[in-house]
Amino acid sequence: MLEKELISKINGKTKPLGALGKLEELAFQVGKIQQTLSPKITEPTIVVFAGDHGIAKLGVSEYPQEVTHQMVLNFCNGGAAINVFCRQHNIHFKIVDAGVNFTFDRQLPIVHHKINFGTKNILIEPAMTRSELALALKKGEEVVDKVVHPDCNCIGFGEMGIGNTSSSALIMSGICNLPLDECVGLGTSLNEFHTLKKTEVLALAQQQHGTISDPLLLLQTYGGFEMAQMCGAMLAAYRKNSLIIVEGFIATAVFLVAQKMESNLINNSVFAHISDEKGHALMLEYLGVTPLLNLDMCLGEGTACAIAFPLIQSAVNFLNEMASFEEANVLKK
């Protein structure tokens, strides 16, 4: 009944049928999630999870591992792209130390959820132990349940972690059943030569651990602590019935795992953009979803979530504020 009423309300606005395109789909989705004809976005928040990867020391990125903690400090100082866009659109911002290889001052505006000082070298052993994975999932849930504003009903997910495109490619390969060369991209400004080297390193990791079909085992074997906590947070956001904004390549790889754990997660989720990172388009195709934006971005940090947010707000606003044909005394077709 509500779905029919939502469609009727959207179609009754002073516009040709379907003229607002994707915004109409968004308005319907948010109304359906919130089970109301007059949805609203309250206390929107973007959470960036940060963590280091043991594999980063094997040359899979042009940037050294130290960049992870340096960027976290940049977030704290308000100087990163995500800070700029969150300020612009009045979005709350939270940064989580999920497993950075650095000791931060406890007085910094950081959620101190460090599981360990980075993950293990996946060429030798799984990235994390089973108990570390369980703790990371729990800490991710706590971010949603205890850290973000209790009235928040829209959460975007970003990440920071040198080496996490490698982890994401391995998880994507395992879940989507695709060869590595279709999943591995340039990452942090790598050239084609380094991409080949990166693919070779990741192929060795796959050989080390064999075929893995279980999504949580994939996350434990190849993922980062920031990815595991994001997974727990996505699931907690769904249980809270929040609108979930999924960013790019890494966040979508995490979403693949979370979706296997909760099949209805996709109903509450909006995909912010299609990343310029190779493989992201294939993940979106696997999920059967259409992203909001295509801006040739591949920065991470939740930036695409922040840029896409005004579109979601516009969808809600037109549903609530735009006049109907009857209200405006305008003749229908």
C-alpha atoms as a PDB file:
ATOM      1  CA  MET A   1       0.000   0.000   0.000  1.00  0.00           C
ATOM      2  CA  LEU A   2       2.744   2.463   0.963  1.00  0.00           C
ATOM      3  CA  GLU A   3       4.648   1.725  -2.243  1.00  0.00           C
ATOM      4  CA  LYS A   4       1.615   2.593  -4.376  1.00  0.00           C
ATOM      5  CA  GLU A   5       1.084   5.781  -2.371  1.00  0.00           C
ATOM      6  CA  LEU A   6       4.730   6.780  -2.818  1.00  0.00           C
ATOM      7  CA  ILE A   7       4.522   6.233  -6.562  1.00  0.00           C
ATOM      8  CA  SER A   8       1.305   8.218  -6.712  1.00  0.00           C
ATOM      9  CA  LYS A   9       2.810  11.081  -4.736  1.00  0.00           C
ATOM     10  CA  ILE A  10       5.931  11.169  -6.941  1.00  0.00           C
ATOM     11  CA  ASN A  11       3.911  11.009 -10.154  1.00  0.00           C
ATOM     12  CA  GLY A  12       1.514  13.671  -8.883  1.00  0.00           C
ATOM     13  CA  LYS A  13       4.163  16.369  -8.639  1.00  0.00           C
ATOM     14  CA  THR A  14       4.123  19.237 -11.154  1.00  0.00           C
ATOM     15  CA  LYS A  15       6.336  17.574 -13.755  1.00  0.00           C
ATOM     16  CA  PRO A  16       6.049  15.070 -16.583  1.00  0.00           C
ATOM     17  CA  LEU A  17       6.148  11.439 -15.464  1.00  0.00           C
ATOM     18  CA  GLY A  18       9.706  10.381 -14.742  1.00  0.00           C
ATOM     19  CA  ALA A  19      11.124  13.833 -15.489  1.00  0.00           C
ATOM     20  CA  LEU A  20      13.308  13.843 -12.353  1.00  0.00           C
ATOM     21  CA  GLY A  21      14.823  10.523 -13.307  1.00  0.00           C
ATOM     22  CA  LYS A  22      17.096   8.986 -10.698  1.00  0.00           C
ATOM     23  CA  LEU A  23      15.866  11.459  -8.074  1.00  0.00           C
ATOM     24  CA  GLU A  24      12.448   9.845  -8.281  1.00  0.00           C
ATOM     25  CA  GLU A  25      13.987   6.422  -7.646  1.00  0.00           C
ATOM     26  CA  LEU A  26      15.875   7.829  -4.660  1.00  0.00           C
ATOM     27  CA  ALA A  27      12.762   9.460  -3.220  1.00  0.00           C
ATOM     28  CA  PHE A  28      10.890   6.160  -3.521  1.00  0.00           C
ATOM     29  CA  GLN A  29      13.763   4.228  -1.931  1.00  0.00           C
ATOM     30  CA  VAL A  30      14.136   6.544   1.056  1.00  0.00           C
ATOM     31  CA  GLY A  31      10.380   6.677   1.609  1.00  0.00           C
ATOM     32  CA  LYS A  32      10.187   2.896   1.481  1.00  0.00           C
ATOM     33  CA  ILE A  33      13.099   2.499   3.925  1.00  0.00           C
ATOM     34  CA  GLN A  34      11.550   4.914   6.391  1.00  0.00           C
ATOM     35  CA  GLN A  35       8.001   3.650   5.700  1.00  0.00           C
ATOM     36  CA  THR A  36       6.605   7.128   5.227  1.00  0.00           C
ATOM     37  CA  LEU A  37       5.349   9.442   2.489  1.00  0.00           C
ATOM     38  CA  SER A  38       7.363  12.263   4.079  1.00  0.00           C
ATOM     39  CA  PRO A  39      10.884  10.963   4.685  1.00  0.00           C
ATOM     40  CA  LYS A  40      13.643  13.103   6.110  1.00  0.00           C
ATOM     41  CA  ILE A  41      17.403  12.879   6.490  1.00  0.00           C
ATOM     42  CA  THR A  42      18.617  13.555  10.023  1.00  0.00           C
ATOM     43  CA  GLU A  43      22.176  14.002  11.303  1.00  0.00           C
ATOM     44  CA  PRO A  44      23.883  12.625   8.144  1.00  0.00           C
ATOM     45  CA  THR A  45      27.338  11.246   8.932  1.00  0.00           C
ATOM     46  CA  ILE A  46      30.319   9.940   7.020  1.00  0.00           C
ATOM     47  CA  VAL A  47      32.596   7.513   8.830  1.00  0.00           C
ATOM     48  CA  VAL A  48      36.114   6.881   7.561  1.00  0.00           C
ATOM     49  CA  PHE A  49      37.814   3.742   8.836  1.00  0.00           C
ATOM     50  CA  ALA A  50      41.624   3.702   8.726  1.00  0.00           C
ATOM     51  CA  GLY A  51      43.988   0.753   8.917  1.00  0.00           C
ATOM     52  CA  ASP A  52      47.331  -0.498   7.667  1.00  0.00           C
ATOM     53  CA  HIS A  53      48.106  -3.607   5.650  1.00  0.00           C
ATOM     54  CA  GLY A  54      51.112  -5.900   5.933  1.00  0.00           C
ATOM     55  CA  ILE A  55      51.090  -6.313   2.172  1.00  0.00           C
ATOM     56  CA  ALA A  56      51.841  -2.601   1.707  1.00  0.00           C
ATOM     57  CA  LYS A  57      55.508  -3.331   2.362  1.00  0.00           C
ATOM     58  CA  LEU A  58      55.687  -5.549  -0.730  1.00  0.00           C
ATOM     59  CA  GLY A  59      55.500  -2.749  -3.291  1.00  0.00           C
ATOM     60  CA  VAL A  60      51.806  -2.934  -4.199  1.00  0.00           C
ATOM     61  CA  SER A  61      51.492   0.847  -3.817  1.00  0.00           C
ATOM     62  CA  GLU A  62      53.641   3.795  -4.822  1.00  0.00           C
ATOM     63  CA  TYR A  63      52.931   5.361  -1.444  1.00  0.00           C
ATOM     64  CA  PRO A  64      54.697   4.197   1.722  1.00  0.00           C
ATOM     65  CA  GLN A  65      52.665   2.791   4.605  1.00  0.00           C
ATOM     66  CA  GLU A  66      53.355   5.929   6.660  1.00  0.00           C
ATOM     67  CA  VAL A  67      50.906   7.843   4.471  1.00  0.00           C
ATOM     68  CA  THR A  68      48.004   6.137   6.267  1.00  0.00           C
ATOM     69  CA  HIS A  69      48.716   7.736   9.639  1.00  0.00           C
ATOM     70  CA  GLN A  70      49.761  11.006   8.006  1.00  0.00           C
ATOM     71  CA  MET A  71      46.385  11.215   6.269  1.00  0.00           C
ATOM     72  CA  VAL A  72      44.555  10.420   9.507  1.00  0.00           C
ATOM     73  CA  LEU A  73      46.321  13.411  11.059  1.00  0.00           C
ATOM     74  CA  ASN A  74      45.293  15.447   8.024  1.00  0.00           C
ATOM     75  CA  PHE A  75      41.667  14.395   8.638  1.00  0.00           C
ATOM     76  CA  CYS A  76      42.010  15.502  12.260  1.00  0.00           C
ATOM     77  CA  ASN A  77      43.291  18.893  11.106  1.00  0.00           C
ATOM     78  CA  GLY A  78      40.428  19.305   8.638  1.00  0.00           C
ATOM     79  CA  GLY A  79      42.665  19.480   5.587  1.00  0.00           C
ATOM     80  CA  ALA A  80      41.557  16.513   3.463  1.00  0.00           C
ATOM     81  CA  ALA A  81      39.048  16.493   0.618  1.00  0.00           C
ATOM     82  CA  ILE A  82      36.494  14.683   2.766  1.00  0.00           C
ATOM     83  CA  ASN A  83      36.722  17.434   5.391  1.00  0.00           C
ATOM     84  CA  VAL A  84      36.082  20.075   2.738  1.00  0.00           C
ATOM     85  CA  PHE A  85      33.029  18.329   1.317  1.00  0.00           C
ATOM     86  CA  CYS A  86      31.555  17.452   4.711  1.00  0.00           C
ATOM     87  CA  ARG A  87      31.830  21.090   5.778  1.00  0.00           C
ATOM     88  CA  GLN A  88      30.246  22.200   2.512  1.00  0.00           C
ATOM     89  CA  HIS A  89      27.207  19.957   2.935  1.00  0.00           C
ATOM     90  CA  ASN A  90      26.885  20.039   6.749  1.00  0.00           C
ATOM     91  CA  ILE A  91      27.672  16.346   7.141  1.00  0.00           C
ATOM     92  CA  HIS A  92      29.065  15.014  10.414  1.00  0.00           C
ATOM     93  CA  PHE A  93      32.481  13.381  10.058  1.00  0.00           C
ATOM     94  CA  LYS A  94      34.040  10.620  12.133  1.00  0.00           C
ATOM     95  CA  ILE A  95      37.490   9.057  11.706  1.00  0.00           C
ATOM     96  CA  VAL A  96      38.130   5.606  13.181  1.00  0.00           C
ATOM     97  CA  ASP A  97      41.575   4.171  13.897  1.00  0.00           C
ATOM     98  CA  ALA A  98      40.739   0.546  13.199  1.00  0.00           C
ATOM     99  CA  GLY A  99      44.322  -0.646  12.893  1.00  0.00           C
ATOM    100  CA  VAL A 100      46.826   2.025  11.862  1.00  0.00           C
ATOM    101  CA  ASN A 101      50.509   1.271  12.414  1.00  0.00           C
ATOM    102  CA  PHE A 102      50.955   4.360  14.562  1.00  0.00           C
ATOM    103  CA  THR A 103      50.204   5.505  18.099  1.00  0.00           C
ATOM    104  CA  PHE A 104      47.881   8.502  18.034  1.00  0.00           C
ATOM    105  CA  ASP A 105      47.462  11.034  20.808  1.00  0.00           C
ATOM    106  CA  ARG A 106      44.323  10.005  22.687  1.00  0.00           C
ATOM    107  CA  GLN A 107      43.188  13.630  22.712  1.00  0.00           C
ATOM    108  CA  LEU A 108      42.821  13.733  18.923  1.00  0.00           C
ATOM    109  CA  PRO A 109      39.270  13.626  17.484  1.00  0.00           C
ATOM    110  CA  ILE A 110      39.638   9.949  16.588  1.00  0.00           C
ATOM    111  CA  VAL A 111      37.525   6.940  17.507  1.00  0.00           C
ATOM    112  CA  HIS A 112      40.241   4.751  19.028  1.00  0.00           C
ATOM    113  CA  HIS A 113      39.225   1.247  17.935  1.00  0.00           C
ATOM    114  CA  LYS A 114      42.663  -0.094  17.041  1.00  0.00           C
ATOM    115  CA  ILE A 115      42.654  -3.893  16.758  1.00  0.00           C
ATOM    116  CA  ASN A 116      46.379  -4.119  16.046  1.00  0.00           C
ATOM    117  CA  PHE A 117      49.152  -2.118  14.408  1.00  0.00           C
ATOM    118  CA  GLY A 118      48.257  -3.225  10.910  1.00  0.00           C
ATOM    119  CA  THR A 119      47.498  -6.652   9.469  1.00  0.00           C
ATOM    120  CA  LYS A 120      49.897  -9.514   8.782  1.00  0.00           C
ATOM    121  CA  ASN A 121      51.734 -10.272   5.541  1.00  0.00           C
ATOM    122  CA  ILE A 122      49.178 -12.265   3.536  1.00  0.00           C
ATOM    123  CA  LEU A 123      51.922 -14.000   1.568  1.00  0.00           C
ATOM    124  CA  ILE A 124      52.764 -15.849   4.758  1.00  0.00           C
ATOM    125  CA  GLU A 125      49.579 -16.003   6.866  1.00  0.00           C
ATOM    126  CA  PRO A 126      46.019 -14.661   7.016  1.00  0.00           C
ATOM    127  CA  ALA A 127      45.742 -10.896   7.451  1.00  0.00           C
ATOM    128  CA  MET A 128      44.083 -11.323  10.843  1.00  0.00           C
ATOM    129  CA  THR A 129      43.106 -14.035  13.287  1.00  0.00           C
ATOM    130  CA  ARG A 130      39.543 -15.209  13.722  1.00  0.00           C
ATOM    131  CA  SER A 131      39.331 -13.443  17.088  1.00  0.00           C
ATOM    132  CA  GLU A 132      40.666 -10.202  15.576  1.00  0.00           C
ATOM    133  CA  LEU A 133      38.025 -10.392  12.851  1.00  0.00           C
ATOM    134  CA  ALA A 134      35.278 -10.937  15.422  1.00  0.00           C
ATOM    135  CA  LEU A 135      36.496  -7.990  17.494  1.00  0.00           C
ATOM    136  CA  ALA A 136      36.744  -5.763  14.421  1.00  0.00           C
ATOM    137  CA  LEU A 137      33.173  -6.578  13.383  1.00  0.00           C
ATOM    138  CA  LYS A 138      32.000  -5.786  16.913  1.00  0.00           C
ATOM    139  CA  LYS A 139      33.922  -2.499  17.023  1.00  0.00           C
ATOM    140  CA  GLY A 140      32.367  -1.536  13.694  1.00  0.00           C
ATOM    141  CA  GLU A 141      28.910  -2.143  15.114  1.00  0.00           C
ATOM    142  CA  GLU A 142      29.777   0.061  18.090  1.00  0.00           C
ATOM    143  CA  VAL A 143      30.621   2.964  15.785  1.00  0.00           C
ATOM    144  CA  VAL A 144      27.040   2.987  14.523  1.00  0.00           C
ATOM    145  CA  ASP A 145      25.390   2.120  17.829  1.00  0.00           C
ATOM    146  CA  LYS A 146      27.440   4.340  20.165  1.00  0.00           C
ATOM    147  CA  VAL A 147      29.541   6.895  18.246  1.00  0.00           C
ATOM    148  CA  VAL A 148      27.359   8.473  15.568  1.00  0.00           C
ATOM    149  CA  HIS A 149      24.477  10.690  16.657  1.00  0.00           C
ATOM    150  CA  PRO A 150      21.533   8.575  17.864  1.00  0.00           C
ATOM    151  CA  ASP A 151      19.230  10.408  15.429  1.00  0.00           C
ATOM    152  CA  CYS A 152      21.488   9.737  12.427  1.00  0.00           C
ATOM    153  CA  ASN A 153      19.578   7.884   9.703  1.00  0.00           C
ATOM    154  CA  CYS A 154      22.006   8.290   6.789  1.00  0.00           C
ATOM    155  CA  ILE A 155      25.577   6.982   6.971  1.00  0.00           C
ATOM    156  CA  GLY A 156      28.279   7.107   4.306  1.00  0.00           C
ATOM    157  CA  PHE A 157      31.301   4.828   4.496  1.00  0.00           C
ATOM    158  CA  GLY A 158      34.862   5.716   3.517  1.00  0.00           C
ATOM    159  CA  GLU A 159      38.329   4.332   4.200  1.00  0.00           C
ATOM    160  CA  MET A 160      42.018   5.115   4.394  1.00  0.00           C
ATOM    161  CA  GLY A 161      44.671   2.427   4.201  1.00  0.00           C
ATOM    162  CA  ILE A 162      47.683   2.067   1.942  1.00  0.00           C
ATOM    163  CA  GLY A 163      47.372  -1.367   0.334  1.00  0.00           C
ATOM    164  CA  ASN A 164      43.622  -1.776   0.655  1.00  0.00           C
ATOM    165  CA  THR A 165      42.932  -1.840  -3.084  1.00  0.00           C
ATOM    166  CA  SER A 166      44.983  -5.048  -3.107  1.00  0.00           C
ATOM    167  CA  SER A 167      42.877  -6.559  -0.337  1.00  0.00           C
ATOM    168  CA  SER A 168      39.719  -5.468  -2.142  1.00  0.00           C
ATOM    169  CA  ALA A 169      40.824  -7.036  -5.424  1.00  0.00           C
ATOM    170  CA  LEU A 170      41.409 -10.369  -3.680  1.00  0.00           C
ATOM    171  CA  ILE A 171      38.015 -10.258  -1.966  1.00  0.00           C
ATOM    172  CA  MET A 172      36.323  -9.257  -5.220  1.00  0.00           C
ATOM    173  CA  SER A 173      38.017 -12.104  -7.069  1.00  0.00           C
ATOM    174  CA  GLY A 174      36.840 -14.598  -4.462  1.00  0.00           C
ATOM    175  CA  ILE A 175      33.221 -13.449  -4.214  1.00  0.00           C
ATOM    176  CA  CYS A 176      32.604 -12.564  -7.857  1.00  0.00           C
ATOM    177  CA  ASN A 177      34.574 -15.589  -9.096  1.00  0.00           C
ATOM    178  CA  LEU A 178      36.670 -13.465 -11.428  1.00  0.00           C
ATOM    179  CA  PRO A 179      40.356 -13.779 -12.377  1.00  0.00           C
ATOM    180  CA  LEU A 180      42.690 -11.373 -10.608  1.00  0.00           C
ATOM    181  CA  ASP A 181      43.649  -9.470 -13.742  1.00  0.00           C
ATOM    182  CA  GLU A 182      40.038  -8.296 -14.034  1.00  0.00           C
ATOM    183  CA  CYS A 183      40.039  -7.104 -10.429  1.00  0.00           C
ATOM    184  CA  VAL A 184      43.427  -5.417  -9.986  1.00  0.00           C
ATOM    185  CA  GLY A 185      43.704  -1.782 -10.991  1.00  0.00           C
ATOM    186  CA  LEU A 186      46.152   1.089 -10.732  1.00  0.00           C
ATOM    187  CA  GLY A 187      45.428   1.775  -7.075  1.00  0.00           C
ATOM    188  CA  THR A 188      47.316   4.795  -5.756  1.00  0.00           C
ATOM    189  CA  SER A 189      48.669   6.134  -9.062  1.00  0.00           C
ATOM    190  CA  LEU A 190      50.573   3.015 -10.044  1.00  0.00           C
ATOM    191  CA  ASN A 191      51.673   2.654 -13.653  1.00  0.00           C
ATOM    192  CA  GLU A 192      51.000  -0.435 -15.756  1.00  0.00           C
ATOM    193  CA  PHE A 193      54.369  -2.001 -14.896  1.00  0.00           C
ATOM    194  CA  HIS A 194      53.678  -1.749 -11.176  1.00  0.00           C
ATOM    195  CA  THR A 195      50.153  -3.033 -11.718  1.00  0.00           C
ATOM    196  CA  LEU A 196      51.574  -6.208 -13.270  1.00  0.00           C
ATOM    197  CA  LYS A 197      53.882  -6.590 -10.271  1.00  0.00           C
ATOM    198  CA  LYS A 198      50.941  -6.001  -7.935  1.00  0.00           C
ATOM    199  CA  THR A 199      48.937  -8.696  -9.736  1.00  0.00           C
ATOM    200  CA  GLU A 200      51.835 -11.150  -9.422  1.00  0.00           C
ATOM    201  CA  VAL A 201      52.097 -10.528  -5.675  1.00  0.00           C
ATOM    202  CA  LEU A 202      48.358 -11.025  -5.204  1.00  0.00           C
ATOM    203  CA  ALA A 203      48.420 -14.193  -7.292  1.00  0.00           C
ATOM    204  CA  LEU A 204      51.031 -15.575  -4.895  1.00  0.00           C
ATOM    205  CA  ALA A 205      48.707 -14.756  -1.999  1.00  0.00           C
ATOM    206  CA  GLN A 206      45.882 -16.660  -3.665  1.00  0.00           C
ATOM    207  CA  GLN A 207      48.175 -19.634  -4.200  1.00  0.00           C
ATOM    208  CA  GLN A 208      49.208 -19.508  -0.550  1.00  0.00           C
ATOM    209  CA  HIS A 209      45.649 -19.644   0.776  1.00  0.00           C
ATOM    210  CA  GLY A 210      43.885 -21.625  -1.950  1.00  0.00           C
ATOM    211  CA  THR A 211      40.284 -21.284  -3.067  1.00  0.00           C
ATOM    212  CA  ILE A 212      38.116 -19.500  -0.479  1.00  0.00           C
ATOM    213  CA  SER A 213      34.360 -19.263  -0.941  1.00  0.00           C
ATOM    214  CA  ASP A 214      33.289 -18.171   2.552  1.00  0.00           C
ATOM    215  CA  PRO A 215      32.992 -14.340   2.570  1.00  0.00           C
ATOM    216  CA  LEU A 216      34.047 -13.899   6.203  1.00  0.00           C
ATOM    217  CA  LEU A 217      37.070 -16.124   5.638  1.00  0.00           C
ATOM    218  CA  LEU A 218      37.972 -13.997   2.614  1.00  0.00           C
ATOM    219  CA  LEU A 219      37.764 -10.904   4.824  1.00  0.00           C
ATOM    220  CA  GLN A 220      39.891 -12.551   7.522  1.00  0.00           C
ATOM    221  CA  THR A 221      42.479 -13.789   5.029  1.00  0.00           C
ATOM    222  CA  TYR A 222      42.909 -10.711   2.845  1.00  0.00           C
ATOM    223  CA  GLY A 223      41.097  -7.772   4.436  1.00  0.00           C
ATOM    224  CA  GLY A 224      42.216  -4.904   6.616  1.00  0.00           C
ATOM    225  CA  PHE A 225      40.980  -3.990  10.065  1.00  0.00           C
ATOM    226  CA  GLU A 226      39.378  -0.889   8.560  1.00  0.00           C
ATOM    227  CA  MET A 227      37.500  -3.112   6.106  1.00  0.00           C
ATOM    228  CA  ALA A 228      36.325  -5.519   8.805  1.00  0.00           C
ATOM    229  CA  GLN A 229      35.074  -2.687  11.003  1.00  0.00           C
ATOM    230  CA  MET A 230      33.318  -1.109   8.034  1.00  0.00           C
ATOM    231  CA  CYS A 231      31.593  -4.440   7.397  1.00  0.00           C
ATOM    232  CA  GLY A 232      30.315  -4.558  10.974  1.00  0.00           C
ATOM    233  CA  ALA A 233      29.208  -0.936  10.734  1.00  0.00           C
ATOM    234  CA  MET A 234      27.280  -1.516   7.492  1.00  0.00           C
ATOM    235  CA  LEU A 235      25.387  -4.382   9.089  1.00  0.00           C
ATOM    236  CA  ALA A 236      24.653  -2.292  12.197  1.00  0.00           C
ATOM    237  CA  ALA A 237      23.429   0.582  10.014  1.00  0.00           C
ATOM    238  CA  TYR A 238      21.054  -1.811   8.274  1.00  0.00           C
ATOM    239  CA  ARG A 239      19.713  -3.083  11.595  1.00  0.00           C
ATOM    240  CA  LYS A 240      19.136   0.545  12.560  1.00  0.00           C
ATOM    241  CA  ASN A 241      17.244   0.957   9.252  1.00  0.00           C
ATOM    242  CA  SER A 242      19.557   3.736   8.101  1.00  0.00           C
ATOM    243  CA  LEU A 243      20.177   4.773   4.527  1.00  0.00           C
ATOM    244  CA  ILE A 244      23.657   3.501   3.643  1.00  0.00           C
ATOM    245  CA  ILE A 245      25.860   5.329   1.139  1.00  0.00           C
ATOM    246  CA  VAL A 246      28.534   3.063  -0.352  1.00  0.00           C
ATOM    247  CA  GLU A 247      31.510   4.794  -1.901  1.00  0.00           C
ATOM    248  CA  GLY A 248      33.993   3.213  -4.284  1.00  0.00           C
ATOM    249  CA  PHE A 249      36.126   0.152  -4.914  1.00  0.00           C
ATOM    250  CA  ILE A 250      37.141  -0.672  -1.331  1.00  0.00           C
ATOM    251  CA  ALA A 251      33.773   0.092   0.262  1.00  0.00           C
ATOM    252  CA  THR A 252      31.998  -1.944  -2.409  1.00  0.00           C
ATOM    253  CA  ALA A 253      34.326  -4.896  -1.791  1.00  0.00           C
ATOM    254  CA  VAL A 254      33.367  -4.678   1.881  1.00  0.00           C
ATOM    255  CA  PHE A 255      29.725  -4.439   0.842  1.00  0.00           C
ATOM    256  CA  LEU A 256      30.103  -7.714  -1.096  1.00  0.00           C
ATOM    257  CA  VAL A 257      31.005  -9.435   2.177  1.00  0.00           C
ATOM    258  CA  ALA A 258      28.275  -7.719   4.191  1.00  0.00           C
ATOM    259  CA  GLN A 259      25.668  -8.486   1.514  1.00  0.00           C
ATOM    260  CA  LYS A 260      26.463 -12.196   1.810  1.00  0.00           C
ATOM    261  CA  MET A 261      25.728 -11.910   5.538  1.00  0.00           C
ATOM    262  CA  GLU A 262      22.507  -9.880   5.111  1.00  0.00           C
ATOM    263  CA  SER A 263      20.835 -10.274   1.733  1.00  0.00           C
ATOM    264  CA  ASN A 264      18.451  -7.335   2.270  1.00  0.00           C
ATOM    265  CA  LEU A 265      21.300  -4.890   2.889  1.00  0.00           C
ATOM    266  CA  ILE A 266      21.120  -3.729  -0.707  1.00  0.00           C
ATOM    267  CA  ASN A 267      17.582  -2.397  -0.191  1.00  0.00           C
ATOM    268  CA  ASN A 268      18.927   0.258   2.194  1.00  0.00           C
ATOM    269  CA  SER A 269      21.967   1.130   0.108  1.00  0.00           C
ATOM    270  CA  VAL A 270      22.840   3.817  -2.424  1.00  0.00           C
ATOM    271  CA  PHE A 271      26.052   3.577  -4.439  1.00  0.00           C
ATOM    272  CA  ALA A 272      27.650   6.991  -4.646  1.00  0.00           C
ATOM    273  CA  HIS A 273      29.708   6.677  -7.812  1.00  0.00           C
ATOM    274  CA  ILE A 274      31.560   4.441 -10.195  1.00  0.00           C
ATOM    275  CA  SER A 275      35.221   4.616  -9.279  1.00  0.00           C
ATOM    276  CA  ASP A 276      37.954   5.074 -11.834  1.00  0.00           C
ATOM    277  CA  GLU A 277      39.590   2.029 -10.225  1.00  0.00           C
ATOM    278  CA  LYS A 278      39.489  -0.985 -12.531  1.00  0.00           C
ATOM    279  CA  GLY A 279      37.119  -3.633 -11.268  1.00  0.00           C
ATOM    280  CA  HIS A 280      34.592  -1.375  -9.614  1.00  0.00           C
ATOM    281  CA  ALA A 281      32.283  -1.445 -12.631  1.00  0.00           C
ATOM    282  CA  LEU A 282      32.321  -5.245 -12.529  1.00  0.00           C
ATOM    283  CA  MET A 283      31.418  -5.257  -8.832  1.00  0.00           C
ATOM    284  CA  LEU A 284      28.493  -2.903  -9.457  1.00  0.00           C
ATOM    285  CA  GLU A 285      27.396  -5.121 -12.347  1.00  0.00           C
ATOM    286  CA  TYR A 286      27.630  -8.181 -10.091  1.00  0.00           C
ATOM    287  CA  LEU A 287      25.368  -6.444  -7.564  1.00  0.00           C
ATOM    288  CA  GLY A 288      23.015  -5.203 -10.272  1.00  0.00           C
ATOM    289  CA  VAL A 289      23.123  -1.579  -9.122  1.00  0.00           C
ATOM    290  CA  THR A 290      23.519   1.789 -10.826  1.00  0.00           C
ATOM    291  CA  PRO A 291      25.715   4.406  -9.123  1.00  0.00           C
ATOM    292  CA  LEU A 292      24.662   8.031  -8.835  1.00  0.00           C
ATOM    293  CA  LEU A 293      27.804   9.655 -10.224  1.00  0.00           C
ATOM    294  CA  ASN A 294      30.602   9.102 -12.727  1.00  0.00           C
ATOM    295  CA  LEU A 295      33.255  11.757 -12.142  1.00  0.00           C
ATOM    296  CA  ASP A 296      36.431   9.716 -12.855  1.00  0.00           C
ATOM    297  CA  MET A 297      37.198   9.791  -9.121  1.00  0.00           C
ATOM    298  CA  CYS A 298      39.195   7.206  -7.172  1.00  0.00           C
ATOM    299  CA  LEU A 299      40.259   9.088  -4.055  1.00  0.00           C
ATOM    300  CA  GLY A 300      38.430   7.176  -1.345  1.00  0.00           C
ATOM    301  CA  GLU A 301      38.028   8.850   2.073  1.00  0.00           C
ATOM    302  CA  GLY A 302      34.245   8.839   1.607  1.00  0.00           C
ATOM    303  CA  THR A 303      34.529  11.775  -0.796  1.00  0.00           C
ATOM    304  CA  ALA A 304      32.031  10.383  -3.287  1.00  0.00           C
ATOM    305  CA  CYS A 305      29.536   9.846  -0.442  1.00  0.00           C
ATOM    306  CA  ALA A 306      29.774  13.514   0.481  1.00  0.00           C
ATOM    307  CA  ILE A 307      29.418  14.674  -3.126  1.00  0.00           C
ATOM    308  CA  ALA A 308      26.452  12.369  -3.746  1.00  0.00           C
ATOM    309  CA  PHE A 309      24.653  13.330  -0.536  1.00  0.00           C
ATOM    310  CA  PRO A 310      23.035  16.537  -1.910  1.00  0.00           C
ATOM    311  CA  LEU A 311      21.350  14.424  -4.596  1.00  0.00           C
ATOM    312  CA  ILE A 312      19.761  12.273  -1.896  1.00  0.00           C
ATOM    313  CA  GLN A 313      18.691  15.392  -0.015  1.00  0.00           C
ATOM    314  CA  SER A 314      17.237  16.837  -3.214  1.00  0.00           C
ATOM    315  CA  ALA A 315      15.206  13.673  -3.743  1.00  0.00           C
ATOM    316  CA  VAL A 316      13.746  13.931  -0.249  1.00  0.00           C
ATOM    317  CA  ASN A 317      13.124  17.658  -0.615  1.00  0.00           C
ATOM    318  CA  PHE A 318      11.202  17.415  -3.861  1.00  0.00           C
ATOM    319  CA  LEU A 319       9.019  14.662  -2.428  1.00  0.00           C
ATOM    320  CA  ASN A 320       8.179  16.789   0.607  1.00  0.00           C
ATOM    321  CA  GLU A 321       8.079  20.309  -0.816  1.00  0.00           C
ATOM    322  CA  MET A 322       7.240  20.220  -4.513  1.00  0.00           C
ATOM    323  CA  ALA A 323       3.620  21.046  -5.270  1.00  0.00           C
ATOM    324  CA  SER A 324       1.224  18.539  -6.779  1.00  0.00           C
ATOM    325  CA  PHE A 325      -0.843  19.377  -9.853  1.00  0.00           C
ATOM    326  CA  GLU A 326      -3.889  19.854  -7.625  1.00  0.00           C
ATOM    327  CA  GLU A 327      -2.079  22.091  -5.128  1.00  0.00           C
ATOM    328  CA  ALA A 328      -0.626  24.280  -7.864  1.00  0.00           C
ATOM    329  CA  ASN A 329      -3.850  24.298  -9.913  1.00  0.00           C
ATOM    330  CA  VAL A 330      -1.925  23.075 -12.927  1.00  0.00           C
ATOM    331  CA  LEU A 331      -3.600  20.916 -15.560  1.00  0.00           C
ATOM    332  CA  LYS A 332      -2.307  17.383 -15.924  1.00  0.00           C
ATOM    333  CA  LYS A 333      -1.390  15.941 -19.309  1.00  0.00           C
END
